């Protein structure tokens, strides 16, 4: 049965298995991004974050009462207390009409996926956006979903979004998720050609 509610940022929701999540964002493609507060009773939900379509989310989850939500939000689960992982850092370099976003760390938690989204959306005036993933050591469901969402956003805004030099583990996750066809990968030779093109256009405009 579909529950009649509209998930918004900050909502704490639960499903019949005991899984409890916090809504982190609802993106432009109507996907709900969430972080896990408490795993299911079966212990099968290992991911720290994820995303679902709006319809799938409201079919599975119910918004928890404020009193329970506040308590769960204030008390991170044992899963989150014991897991480590590097935070994602991003650095952007603009060369003419091209933006190179260098990413370092892990795109596992929803905070990292949202940070990547903010960095990409800030370059809406660029014609080419390159995500340098050479220093990204891991990516999970929420990060994969965010890449797909950003690819759609780029296409809608006539921007070429390219992924450059993903780590083997990241490429493996893309292949497992059958997401490779969604993305445009830039080779080293292509990157050099794009840099020369962007530099020349920047020089003529200066």
N, C-alpha and C. Protein backbone atom coordinates (compact mmCIF):
# COMPACT_ATOMS: atom_id res chain seq x y z
N UNK A 1 0.85 -1.20 0.00
CA UNK A 1 0.00 0.00 0.00
C UNK A 1 0.88 1.24 0.00
N UNK A 2 0.53 2.24 -0.82
CA UNK A 2 1.33 3.46 -0.90
C UNK A 2 0.97 4.41 0.22
N UNK A 3 1.98 4.91 0.93
CA UNK A 3 1.76 5.85 2.02
C UNK A 3 1.68 7.25 1.43
N UNK A 4 0.73 8.05 1.89
CA UNK A 4 0.48 9.37 1.33
C UNK A 4 1.30 10.41 2.07
N UNK A 5 2.57 10.54 1.69
CA UNK A 5 3.39 11.61 2.25
C UNK A 5 4.45 12.01 1.24
N UNK A 6 4.92 13.24 1.37
CA UNK A 6 5.95 13.76 0.49
C UNK A 6 7.25 13.87 1.27
N UNK A 7 8.23 13.00 0.99
CA UNK A 7 9.49 13.06 1.74
C UNK A 7 10.22 14.37 1.49
N UNK A 8 10.71 14.96 2.55
CA UNK A 8 11.49 16.18 2.46
C UNK A 8 12.77 16.03 3.26
N UNK A 9 13.73 16.87 2.99
CA UNK A 9 15.03 16.80 3.65
C UNK A 9 14.87 16.85 5.16
N UNK A 10 15.52 15.91 5.84
CA UNK A 10 15.48 15.86 7.28
C UNK A 10 14.48 14.86 7.83
N UNK A 11 13.55 14.39 7.00
CA UNK A 11 12.58 13.39 7.46
C UNK A 11 13.29 12.10 7.86
N UNK A 12 12.85 11.50 8.95
CA UNK A 12 13.33 10.18 9.36
C UNK A 12 12.20 9.19 9.11
N UNK A 13 12.50 8.14 8.34
CA UNK A 13 11.47 7.20 7.91
C UNK A 13 11.92 5.77 8.21
N UNK A 14 10.95 4.89 8.33
CA UNK A 14 11.24 3.49 8.61
C UNK A 14 10.42 2.57 7.73
N UNK A 15 10.92 1.32 7.59
CA UNK A 15 10.17 0.32 6.83
C UNK A 15 9.85 -0.87 7.73
N UNK A 16 9.07 -1.84 7.26
CA UNK A 16 8.67 -2.96 8.12
C UNK A 16 9.82 -3.84 8.62
N UNK A 17 11.00 -3.78 7.98
CA UNK A 17 12.13 -4.61 8.40
C UNK A 17 12.90 -3.99 9.57
N UNK A 18 12.57 -2.76 9.95
CA UNK A 18 13.32 -2.07 11.00
C UNK A 18 14.34 -1.09 10.47
N UNK A 19 14.53 -1.06 9.15
CA UNK A 19 15.47 -0.11 8.55
C UNK A 19 14.95 1.31 8.75
N UNK A 20 15.83 2.19 9.21
CA UNK A 20 15.46 3.59 9.42
C UNK A 20 16.45 4.48 8.70
N UNK A 21 15.93 5.46 7.96
CA UNK A 21 16.76 6.32 7.13
C UNK A 21 16.39 7.78 7.34
N UNK A 22 17.33 8.64 7.02
CA UNK A 22 17.08 10.08 7.04
C UNK A 22 17.12 10.59 5.60
N UNK A 23 16.12 11.33 5.18
CA UNK A 23 16.10 11.91 3.84
C UNK A 23 17.11 13.05 3.78
N UNK A 24 18.03 12.95 2.83
CA UNK A 24 19.06 13.99 2.67
C UNK A 24 18.72 14.98 1.57
N UNK A 25 18.00 14.49 0.55
CA UNK A 25 17.67 15.37 -0.57
C UNK A 25 16.67 14.68 -1.47
N UNK A 26 15.88 15.47 -2.20
CA UNK A 26 15.05 14.97 -3.30
C UNK A 26 15.51 15.74 -4.53
N UNK A 27 16.15 15.03 -5.49
CA UNK A 27 16.84 15.73 -6.57
C UNK A 27 15.89 16.14 -7.70
N UNK A 28 16.48 16.74 -8.71
CA UNK A 28 15.70 17.30 -9.82
C UNK A 28 15.02 16.22 -10.64
N UNK A 29 15.48 14.98 -10.53
CA UNK A 29 14.85 13.86 -11.24
C UNK A 29 13.84 13.13 -10.36
N UNK A 30 13.51 13.73 -9.20
CA UNK A 30 12.52 13.17 -8.27
C UNK A 30 13.02 11.87 -7.64
N UNK A 31 14.33 11.77 -7.41
CA UNK A 31 14.89 10.65 -6.67
C UNK A 31 15.16 11.10 -5.24
N UNK A 32 14.86 10.22 -4.30
CA UNK A 32 15.06 10.50 -2.88
C UNK A 32 16.41 9.93 -2.47
N UNK A 33 17.30 10.78 -1.97
CA UNK A 33 18.61 10.36 -1.48
C UNK A 33 18.54 10.31 0.05
N UNK A 34 19.06 9.23 0.62
CA UNK A 34 18.92 9.05 2.06
C UNK A 34 20.17 8.44 2.66
N UNK A 35 20.34 8.64 3.96
CA UNK A 35 21.40 7.99 4.73
C UNK A 35 20.75 7.04 5.72
N UNK A 36 21.45 5.94 6.02
CA UNK A 36 20.91 4.93 6.92
C UNK A 36 21.23 5.31 8.36
N UNK A 37 20.21 5.38 9.20
CA UNK A 37 20.38 5.65 10.63
C UNK A 37 20.49 4.35 11.40
N UNK A 38 19.66 3.39 11.04
CA UNK A 38 19.66 2.10 11.72
C UNK A 38 19.36 1.00 10.71
N UNK A 39 20.21 -0.04 10.70
CA UNK A 39 20.02 -1.14 9.76
C UNK A 39 18.79 -1.96 10.09
N UNK A 40 18.41 -2.81 9.14
CA UNK A 40 17.23 -3.66 9.34
C UNK A 40 17.52 -4.72 10.40
N UNK A 41 16.47 -5.32 10.93
CA UNK A 41 16.61 -6.34 11.97
C UNK A 41 17.38 -7.55 11.46
N UNK A 42 17.30 -7.82 10.15
CA UNK A 42 17.99 -8.98 9.58
C UNK A 42 19.47 -8.71 9.36
N UNK A 43 19.86 -7.43 9.38
CA UNK A 43 21.25 -7.07 9.16
C UNK A 43 21.67 -7.13 7.71
N UNK A 44 20.69 -7.21 6.79
CA UNK A 44 21.03 -7.36 5.38
C UNK A 44 21.35 -6.03 4.72
N UNK A 45 20.94 -4.94 5.28
CA UNK A 45 21.18 -3.63 4.66
C UNK A 45 22.53 -3.10 5.12
N UNK A 46 23.55 -3.26 4.25
CA UNK A 46 24.91 -2.89 4.62
C UNK A 46 25.28 -1.48 4.18
N UNK A 47 24.60 -0.96 3.17
CA UNK A 47 24.97 0.35 2.63
C UNK A 47 24.71 1.45 3.65
N UNK A 48 25.53 2.48 3.62
CA UNK A 48 25.37 3.61 4.53
C UNK A 48 24.46 4.68 3.93
N UNK A 49 24.20 4.60 2.63
CA UNK A 49 23.34 5.56 1.97
C UNK A 49 22.75 4.92 0.73
N UNK A 50 21.80 5.61 0.13
CA UNK A 50 21.20 5.08 -1.08
C UNK A 50 20.25 6.07 -1.69
N UNK A 51 19.58 5.63 -2.73
CA UNK A 51 18.57 6.47 -3.37
C UNK A 51 17.48 5.58 -3.94
N UNK A 52 16.30 6.13 -4.06
CA UNK A 52 15.16 5.46 -4.66
C UNK A 52 14.32 6.49 -5.40
N UNK A 53 13.58 6.01 -6.39
CA UNK A 53 12.61 6.90 -7.00
C UNK A 53 11.58 7.30 -5.93
N UNK A 54 10.96 8.44 -6.14
CA UNK A 54 9.97 8.93 -5.17
C UNK A 54 8.88 7.89 -4.92
N UNK A 55 8.37 7.29 -6.01
CA UNK A 55 7.29 6.32 -5.87
C UNK A 55 7.73 5.11 -5.06
N UNK A 56 8.93 4.58 -5.38
CA UNK A 56 9.43 3.39 -4.66
C UNK A 56 9.65 3.71 -3.19
N UNK A 57 10.12 4.94 -2.89
CA UNK A 57 10.41 5.31 -1.51
C UNK A 57 9.14 5.34 -0.68
N UNK A 58 8.09 6.00 -1.19
CA UNK A 58 6.88 6.13 -0.37
C UNK A 58 6.11 4.82 -0.29
N UNK A 59 6.39 3.90 -1.21
CA UNK A 59 5.78 2.58 -1.10
C UNK A 59 6.43 1.77 0.02
N UNK A 60 7.72 1.99 0.22
CA UNK A 60 8.45 1.19 1.21
C UNK A 60 8.46 1.83 2.59
N UNK A 61 8.64 3.14 2.65
CA UNK A 61 8.89 3.79 3.93
C UNK A 61 7.69 4.58 4.43
N UNK A 62 7.66 4.75 5.75
CA UNK A 62 6.67 5.59 6.42
C UNK A 62 7.42 6.61 7.28
N UNK A 63 6.97 7.85 7.27
CA UNK A 63 7.61 8.87 8.11
C UNK A 63 7.37 8.54 9.58
N UNK A 64 8.44 8.56 10.39
CA UNK A 64 8.33 8.24 11.80
C UNK A 64 7.83 9.45 12.59
N UNK A 65 7.14 9.22 13.71
CA UNK A 65 6.71 10.34 14.56
C UNK A 65 7.91 11.16 15.01
N UNK A 66 7.69 12.45 15.26
CA UNK A 66 8.79 13.36 15.59
C UNK A 66 9.58 12.90 16.80
N UNK A 67 8.94 12.38 17.80
CA UNK A 67 9.66 11.98 19.02
C UNK A 67 10.63 10.86 18.73
N UNK A 68 10.20 9.88 17.96
CA UNK A 68 11.08 8.76 17.62
C UNK A 68 12.14 9.20 16.63
N UNK A 69 11.73 10.05 15.68
CA UNK A 69 12.69 10.52 14.69
C UNK A 69 13.81 11.30 15.33
N UNK A 70 13.48 12.19 16.29
CA UNK A 70 14.51 12.99 16.94
C UNK A 70 15.48 12.12 17.73
N UNK A 71 14.94 11.07 18.37
CA UNK A 71 15.82 10.18 19.14
C UNK A 71 16.76 9.40 18.23
N UNK A 72 16.23 8.90 17.12
CA UNK A 72 17.06 8.13 16.21
C UNK A 72 18.09 9.01 15.52
N UNK A 73 17.69 10.24 15.20
CA UNK A 73 18.64 11.13 14.53
C UNK A 73 19.79 11.50 15.45
N UNK A 74 19.51 11.58 16.74
CA UNK A 74 20.53 11.98 17.70
C UNK A 74 21.44 10.82 18.10
N UNK A 75 20.99 9.59 17.83
CA UNK A 75 21.77 8.42 18.23
C UNK A 75 22.16 7.61 17.01
N UNK A 76 23.36 7.86 16.42
CA UNK A 76 23.77 7.09 15.26
C UNK A 76 23.90 5.62 15.60
N UNK A 77 23.60 4.77 14.63
CA UNK A 77 23.63 3.33 14.86
C UNK A 77 25.05 2.83 15.07
N UNK A 78 25.16 1.63 15.60
CA UNK A 78 26.47 1.01 15.79
C UNK A 78 27.20 0.88 14.46
N UNK A 79 26.42 0.64 13.40
CA UNK A 79 27.01 0.53 12.07
C UNK A 79 27.76 1.80 11.71
N UNK A 80 27.19 2.97 11.99
CA UNK A 80 27.83 4.22 11.64
C UNK A 80 28.94 4.57 12.61
N UNK A 81 28.85 4.14 13.85
CA UNK A 81 29.91 4.47 14.81
C UNK A 81 31.18 3.71 14.51
N UNK A 82 31.06 2.50 13.97
CA UNK A 82 32.24 1.67 13.79
C UNK A 82 32.85 1.78 12.41
N UNK A 83 32.09 2.26 11.42
CA UNK A 83 32.62 2.33 10.08
C UNK A 83 33.46 3.57 9.89
N UNK A 84 34.59 3.40 9.20
CA UNK A 84 35.42 4.54 8.88
C UNK A 84 35.20 4.97 7.45
N UNK A 85 36.19 5.60 6.86
CA UNK A 85 36.07 6.01 5.47
C UNK A 85 36.43 7.46 5.32
N UNK A 86 37.16 7.75 4.24
CA UNK A 86 37.59 9.11 4.01
C UNK A 86 36.43 9.95 3.49
N UNK A 87 36.38 11.19 3.92
CA UNK A 87 35.40 12.12 3.40
C UNK A 87 35.79 12.48 1.97
N UNK A 88 34.81 12.87 1.17
CA UNK A 88 35.08 13.29 -0.19
C UNK A 88 35.51 14.75 -0.20
N UNK A 89 36.57 15.02 -0.91
CA UNK A 89 36.99 16.40 -1.13
C UNK A 89 36.97 16.67 -2.63
N UNK A 90 36.56 17.86 -3.00
CA UNK A 90 36.50 18.23 -4.41
C UNK A 90 37.22 19.55 -4.62
N UNK A 91 37.87 19.66 -5.76
CA UNK A 91 38.57 20.89 -6.13
C UNK A 91 38.30 21.14 -7.61
N UNK A 92 37.88 22.34 -7.93
CA UNK A 92 37.49 22.66 -9.30
C UNK A 92 38.48 23.62 -9.94
N UNK A 93 38.84 23.30 -11.18
CA UNK A 93 39.71 24.17 -11.97
C UNK A 93 38.98 24.51 -13.26
N UNK A 94 38.87 25.79 -13.54
CA UNK A 94 38.19 26.24 -14.76
C UNK A 94 39.19 26.70 -15.80
N UNK A 95 39.05 26.15 -17.00
CA UNK A 95 39.90 26.53 -18.12
C UNK A 95 38.97 26.90 -19.26
N UNK A 96 38.77 28.19 -19.45
CA UNK A 96 37.84 28.62 -20.47
C UNK A 96 36.44 28.09 -20.16
N UNK A 97 35.88 27.34 -21.13
CA UNK A 97 34.53 26.82 -20.99
C UNK A 97 34.52 25.39 -20.43
N UNK A 98 35.65 24.95 -19.93
CA UNK A 98 35.75 23.61 -19.35
C UNK A 98 36.00 23.70 -17.85
N UNK A 99 35.37 22.82 -17.10
CA UNK A 99 35.61 22.71 -15.66
C UNK A 99 36.09 21.31 -15.35
N UNK A 100 37.20 21.21 -14.64
CA UNK A 100 37.72 19.91 -14.19
C UNK A 100 37.51 19.83 -12.69
N UNK A 101 36.71 18.86 -12.27
CA UNK A 101 36.42 18.67 -10.85
C UNK A 101 37.20 17.46 -10.36
N UNK A 102 38.20 17.72 -9.56
CA UNK A 102 39.05 16.65 -9.04
C UNK A 102 38.44 16.14 -7.73
N UNK A 103 38.16 14.84 -7.69
CA UNK A 103 37.53 14.23 -6.52
C UNK A 103 38.53 13.33 -5.81
N UNK A 104 38.49 13.35 -4.49
CA UNK A 104 39.39 12.50 -3.70
C UNK A 104 38.65 11.97 -2.49
N UNK A 105 38.71 10.66 -2.29
CA UNK A 105 38.06 10.05 -1.14
C UNK A 105 37.10 8.96 -1.56
N UNK A 106 35.94 8.91 -0.91
CA UNK A 106 34.94 7.88 -1.16
C UNK A 106 33.57 8.53 -1.39
N UNK A 107 32.85 8.04 -2.39
CA UNK A 107 31.49 8.52 -2.63
C UNK A 107 30.56 7.40 -2.17
N UNK A 108 30.42 7.29 -0.85
CA UNK A 108 29.67 6.20 -0.23
C UNK A 108 28.46 6.76 0.51
N UNK A 109 28.69 7.73 1.36
CA UNK A 109 27.60 8.31 2.13
C UNK A 109 26.89 9.38 1.32
N UNK A 110 25.67 9.65 1.70
CA UNK A 110 24.87 10.61 0.96
C UNK A 110 25.49 12.01 1.00
N UNK A 111 26.19 12.33 2.10
CA UNK A 111 26.84 13.64 2.19
C UNK A 111 27.84 13.82 1.05
N UNK A 112 28.58 12.74 0.72
CA UNK A 112 29.57 12.81 -0.35
C UNK A 112 28.88 12.97 -1.70
N UNK A 113 27.80 12.23 -1.93
CA UNK A 113 27.07 12.33 -3.18
C UNK A 113 26.51 13.74 -3.36
N UNK A 114 25.99 14.31 -2.29
CA UNK A 114 25.43 15.66 -2.37
C UNK A 114 26.53 16.71 -2.59
N UNK A 115 27.69 16.46 -2.01
CA UNK A 115 28.81 17.38 -2.21
C UNK A 115 29.24 17.38 -3.67
N UNK A 116 29.27 16.19 -4.27
CA UNK A 116 29.60 16.08 -5.69
C UNK A 116 28.55 16.80 -6.53
N UNK A 117 27.30 16.61 -6.19
CA UNK A 117 26.21 17.27 -6.93
C UNK A 117 26.35 18.79 -6.88
N UNK A 118 26.65 19.33 -5.70
CA UNK A 118 26.79 20.77 -5.57
C UNK A 118 27.94 21.29 -6.42
N UNK A 119 29.05 20.52 -6.46
CA UNK A 119 30.21 20.95 -7.24
C UNK A 119 29.90 20.98 -8.73
N UNK A 120 29.16 19.98 -9.20
CA UNK A 120 28.82 19.92 -10.63
C UNK A 120 27.81 20.99 -11.00
N UNK A 121 26.75 21.14 -10.20
CA UNK A 121 25.72 22.12 -10.53
C UNK A 121 26.23 23.55 -10.48
N UNK A 122 27.32 23.77 -9.75
CA UNK A 122 27.91 25.11 -9.70
C UNK A 122 28.57 25.49 -11.02
N UNK A 123 28.78 24.49 -11.90
CA UNK A 123 29.45 24.73 -13.19
C UNK A 123 28.46 24.76 -14.34
N UNK A 124 27.28 25.29 -14.10
CA UNK A 124 26.23 25.26 -15.12
C UNK A 124 26.56 26.12 -16.34
N UNK A 125 27.57 26.99 -16.25
CA UNK A 125 27.95 27.81 -17.39
C UNK A 125 29.03 27.16 -18.24
N UNK A 126 29.57 26.03 -17.79
CA UNK A 126 30.61 25.35 -18.55
C UNK A 126 30.00 24.57 -19.71
N UNK A 127 30.79 24.33 -20.76
CA UNK A 127 30.33 23.49 -21.87
C UNK A 127 30.78 22.05 -21.67
N UNK A 128 31.89 21.87 -20.97
CA UNK A 128 32.41 20.54 -20.68
C UNK A 128 32.75 20.47 -19.20
N UNK A 129 32.27 19.43 -18.53
CA UNK A 129 32.63 19.18 -17.14
C UNK A 129 33.30 17.81 -17.07
N UNK A 130 34.52 17.78 -16.55
CA UNK A 130 35.26 16.53 -16.41
C UNK A 130 35.36 16.19 -14.93
N UNK A 131 34.89 15.00 -14.58
CA UNK A 131 35.06 14.50 -13.22
C UNK A 131 36.29 13.62 -13.18
N UNK A 132 37.32 14.10 -12.52
CA UNK A 132 38.55 13.32 -12.36
C UNK A 132 38.37 12.40 -11.16
N UNK A 133 38.19 11.10 -11.43
CA UNK A 133 37.91 10.13 -10.38
C UNK A 133 39.14 9.29 -10.01
N UNK A 134 40.31 9.72 -10.43
CA UNK A 134 41.52 8.91 -10.21
C UNK A 134 41.85 8.72 -8.74
N UNK A 135 41.38 9.63 -7.86
CA UNK A 135 41.66 9.51 -6.43
C UNK A 135 40.43 9.09 -5.63
N UNK A 136 39.39 8.62 -6.31
CA UNK A 136 38.20 8.11 -5.63
C UNK A 136 38.38 6.61 -5.44
N UNK A 137 38.40 6.15 -4.20
CA UNK A 137 38.72 4.75 -3.90
C UNK A 137 37.50 3.85 -3.88
N UNK A 138 36.30 4.42 -3.70
CA UNK A 138 35.09 3.59 -3.62
C UNK A 138 33.87 4.42 -3.96
N UNK A 139 32.88 3.74 -4.53
CA UNK A 139 31.60 4.38 -4.82
C UNK A 139 30.51 3.34 -4.61
N UNK A 140 29.40 3.77 -3.98
CA UNK A 140 28.30 2.84 -3.71
C UNK A 140 27.00 3.36 -4.34
N UNK A 141 25.89 2.72 -3.98
CA UNK A 141 24.62 2.98 -4.64
C UNK A 141 24.24 4.44 -4.76
N UNK A 142 24.35 5.19 -3.65
CA UNK A 142 23.98 6.59 -3.70
C UNK A 142 24.86 7.39 -4.64
N UNK A 143 26.15 7.07 -4.66
CA UNK A 143 27.07 7.76 -5.56
C UNK A 143 26.82 7.41 -7.01
N UNK A 144 26.54 6.13 -7.27
CA UNK A 144 26.22 5.71 -8.64
C UNK A 144 24.96 6.40 -9.13
N UNK A 145 23.94 6.42 -8.28
CA UNK A 145 22.70 7.08 -8.65
C UNK A 145 22.90 8.56 -8.91
N UNK A 146 23.77 9.19 -8.11
CA UNK A 146 24.03 10.61 -8.29
C UNK A 146 24.72 10.87 -9.63
N UNK A 147 25.66 9.99 -10.02
CA UNK A 147 26.32 10.15 -11.31
C UNK A 147 25.32 10.06 -12.45
N UNK A 148 24.39 9.12 -12.37
CA UNK A 148 23.35 9.00 -13.39
C UNK A 148 22.49 10.26 -13.43
N UNK A 149 22.12 10.75 -12.26
CA UNK A 149 21.31 11.97 -12.17
C UNK A 149 22.04 13.17 -12.76
N UNK A 150 23.35 13.28 -12.48
CA UNK A 150 24.13 14.40 -13.00
C UNK A 150 24.31 14.28 -14.51
N UNK A 151 24.42 13.06 -15.01
CA UNK A 151 24.52 12.87 -16.46
C UNK A 151 23.25 13.37 -17.15
N UNK A 152 22.10 13.05 -16.57
CA UNK A 152 20.83 13.53 -17.14
C UNK A 152 20.75 15.05 -17.08
N UNK A 153 21.16 15.61 -15.95
CA UNK A 153 21.14 17.06 -15.79
C UNK A 153 22.03 17.72 -16.86
N UNK A 154 23.22 17.16 -17.06
CA UNK A 154 24.15 17.73 -18.05
C UNK A 154 23.54 17.68 -19.46
N UNK A 155 22.93 16.56 -19.81
CA UNK A 155 22.31 16.44 -21.13
C UNK A 155 21.20 17.47 -21.29
N UNK A 156 20.41 17.67 -20.25
CA UNK A 156 19.31 18.63 -20.31
C UNK A 156 19.81 20.07 -20.49
N UNK A 157 21.06 20.32 -20.06
CA UNK A 157 21.62 21.67 -20.15
C UNK A 157 22.69 21.79 -21.24
N UNK A 158 22.71 20.79 -22.14
CA UNK A 158 23.64 20.81 -23.28
C UNK A 158 25.10 20.92 -22.81
N UNK A 159 25.41 20.18 -21.76
CA UNK A 159 26.77 20.14 -21.22
C UNK A 159 27.32 18.72 -21.41
N UNK A 160 28.57 18.63 -21.80
CA UNK A 160 29.21 17.31 -21.92
C UNK A 160 29.85 16.96 -20.57
N UNK A 161 29.35 15.92 -19.93
CA UNK A 161 29.90 15.45 -18.66
C UNK A 161 30.73 14.21 -18.92
N UNK A 162 32.00 14.27 -18.57
CA UNK A 162 32.92 13.17 -18.84
C UNK A 162 33.55 12.68 -17.54
N UNK A 163 33.76 11.37 -17.45
CA UNK A 163 34.47 10.76 -16.33
C UNK A 163 35.87 10.42 -16.77
N UNK A 164 36.84 10.76 -15.93
CA UNK A 164 38.24 10.52 -16.30
C UNK A 164 38.94 9.64 -15.29
N UNK A 165 39.57 8.60 -15.79
CA UNK A 165 40.50 7.75 -15.04
C UNK A 165 39.93 7.22 -13.72
N UNK A 166 38.76 6.56 -13.75
CA UNK A 166 38.23 6.00 -12.50
C UNK A 166 39.10 4.87 -11.97
N UNK A 167 39.23 4.80 -10.66
CA UNK A 167 39.96 3.72 -10.01
C UNK A 167 39.33 2.39 -10.38
N UNK A 168 40.12 1.32 -10.36
CA UNK A 168 39.61 0.02 -10.77
C UNK A 168 38.39 -0.41 -9.97
N UNK A 169 38.38 -0.12 -8.68
CA UNK A 169 37.23 -0.50 -7.85
C UNK A 169 35.98 0.28 -8.25
N UNK A 170 36.17 1.54 -8.63
CA UNK A 170 35.04 2.36 -9.06
C UNK A 170 34.52 1.86 -10.40
N UNK A 171 35.41 1.56 -11.32
CA UNK A 171 34.99 1.01 -12.61
C UNK A 171 34.26 -0.31 -12.42
N UNK A 172 34.72 -1.12 -11.47
CA UNK A 172 34.07 -2.39 -11.20
C UNK A 172 32.64 -2.20 -10.72
N UNK A 173 32.43 -1.21 -9.85
CA UNK A 173 31.07 -0.95 -9.36
C UNK A 173 30.17 -0.44 -10.49
N UNK A 174 30.73 0.37 -11.38
CA UNK A 174 29.95 0.85 -12.52
C UNK A 174 29.53 -0.31 -13.41
N UNK A 175 30.44 -1.26 -13.61
CA UNK A 175 30.14 -2.41 -14.44
C UNK A 175 29.09 -3.30 -13.77
N UNK A 176 29.21 -3.50 -12.47
CA UNK A 176 28.24 -4.33 -11.74
C UNK A 176 26.85 -3.73 -11.81
N UNK A 177 26.78 -2.42 -11.77
CA UNK A 177 25.49 -1.74 -11.80
C UNK A 177 24.98 -1.52 -13.22
N UNK A 178 25.74 -2.03 -14.21
CA UNK A 178 25.35 -1.87 -15.61
C UNK A 178 25.18 -0.40 -15.98
N UNK A 179 26.04 0.44 -15.38
CA UNK A 179 25.91 1.88 -15.60
C UNK A 179 26.91 2.42 -16.62
N UNK A 180 27.79 1.55 -17.13
CA UNK A 180 28.85 2.04 -18.01
C UNK A 180 28.27 2.76 -19.23
N UNK A 181 27.17 2.25 -19.77
CA UNK A 181 26.61 2.86 -20.97
C UNK A 181 26.03 4.25 -20.70
N UNK A 182 25.82 4.59 -19.44
CA UNK A 182 25.25 5.88 -19.10
C UNK A 182 26.28 7.00 -19.21
N UNK A 183 27.56 6.65 -19.14
CA UNK A 183 28.58 7.66 -18.94
C UNK A 183 29.52 7.77 -20.15
N UNK A 184 30.11 8.94 -20.25
CA UNK A 184 31.08 9.24 -21.30
C UNK A 184 32.46 9.29 -20.64
N UNK A 185 33.31 8.32 -20.97
CA UNK A 185 34.64 8.25 -20.38
C UNK A 185 35.65 8.93 -21.30
N UNK A 186 36.48 9.77 -20.70
CA UNK A 186 37.52 10.47 -21.46
C UNK A 186 38.85 9.73 -21.33
N UNK A 187 39.47 9.42 -22.47
CA UNK A 187 40.81 8.82 -22.45
C UNK A 187 41.84 9.92 -22.19
N UNK A 188 43.06 9.50 -21.92
CA UNK A 188 44.12 10.47 -21.67
C UNK A 188 44.36 11.34 -22.90
N UNK A 189 44.37 10.72 -24.08
CA UNK A 189 44.57 11.48 -25.32
C UNK A 189 43.45 12.49 -25.52
N UNK A 190 42.22 12.07 -25.24
CA UNK A 190 41.10 12.98 -25.39
C UNK A 190 41.18 14.13 -24.39
N UNK A 191 41.61 13.82 -23.17
CA UNK A 191 41.76 14.87 -22.16
C UNK A 191 42.78 15.90 -22.60
N UNK A 192 43.89 15.44 -23.16
CA UNK A 192 44.91 16.37 -23.63
C UNK A 192 44.36 17.25 -24.75
N UNK A 193 43.59 16.64 -25.66
CA UNK A 193 43.02 17.41 -26.77
C UNK A 193 42.00 18.43 -26.26
N UNK A 194 41.21 18.02 -25.28
CA UNK A 194 40.21 18.94 -24.71
C UNK A 194 40.89 20.10 -24.01
N UNK A 195 41.96 19.81 -23.29
CA UNK A 195 42.70 20.87 -22.59
C UNK A 195 43.28 21.88 -23.57
N UNK A 196 43.85 21.38 -24.68
CA UNK A 196 44.40 22.27 -25.70
C UNK A 196 43.30 23.13 -26.31
N UNK A 197 42.15 22.48 -26.61
CA UNK A 197 41.02 23.22 -27.19
C UNK A 197 40.52 24.30 -26.25
N UNK A 198 40.35 23.95 -24.98
CA UNK A 198 39.83 24.91 -24.01
C UNK A 198 40.82 26.04 -23.78
N UNK A 199 42.11 25.72 -23.76
CA UNK A 199 43.14 26.73 -23.53
C UNK A 199 43.17 27.73 -24.69
N UNK A 200 43.02 27.21 -25.92
CA UNK A 200 43.05 28.08 -27.09
C UNK A 200 41.83 29.01 -27.10
N UNK A 201 40.66 28.46 -26.77
CA UNK A 201 39.45 29.30 -26.74
C UNK A 201 39.57 30.36 -25.64
N UNK A 202 40.17 29.98 -24.52
CA UNK A 202 40.35 30.93 -23.42
C UNK A 202 41.31 32.04 -23.84
N UNK A 203 42.39 31.65 -24.55
CA UNK A 203 43.38 32.64 -25.00
C UNK A 203 42.77 33.61 -25.99
N UNK A 204 41.91 33.12 -26.90
CA UNK A 204 41.29 34.01 -27.89
C UNK A 204 40.30 34.97 -27.21
N UNK A 205 39.65 34.48 -26.15
CA UNK A 205 38.67 35.31 -25.48
C UNK A 205 39.32 36.36 -24.59
N UNK A 206 40.56 36.12 -24.17
CA UNK A 206 41.23 37.02 -23.23
C UNK A 206 41.63 38.34 -23.90
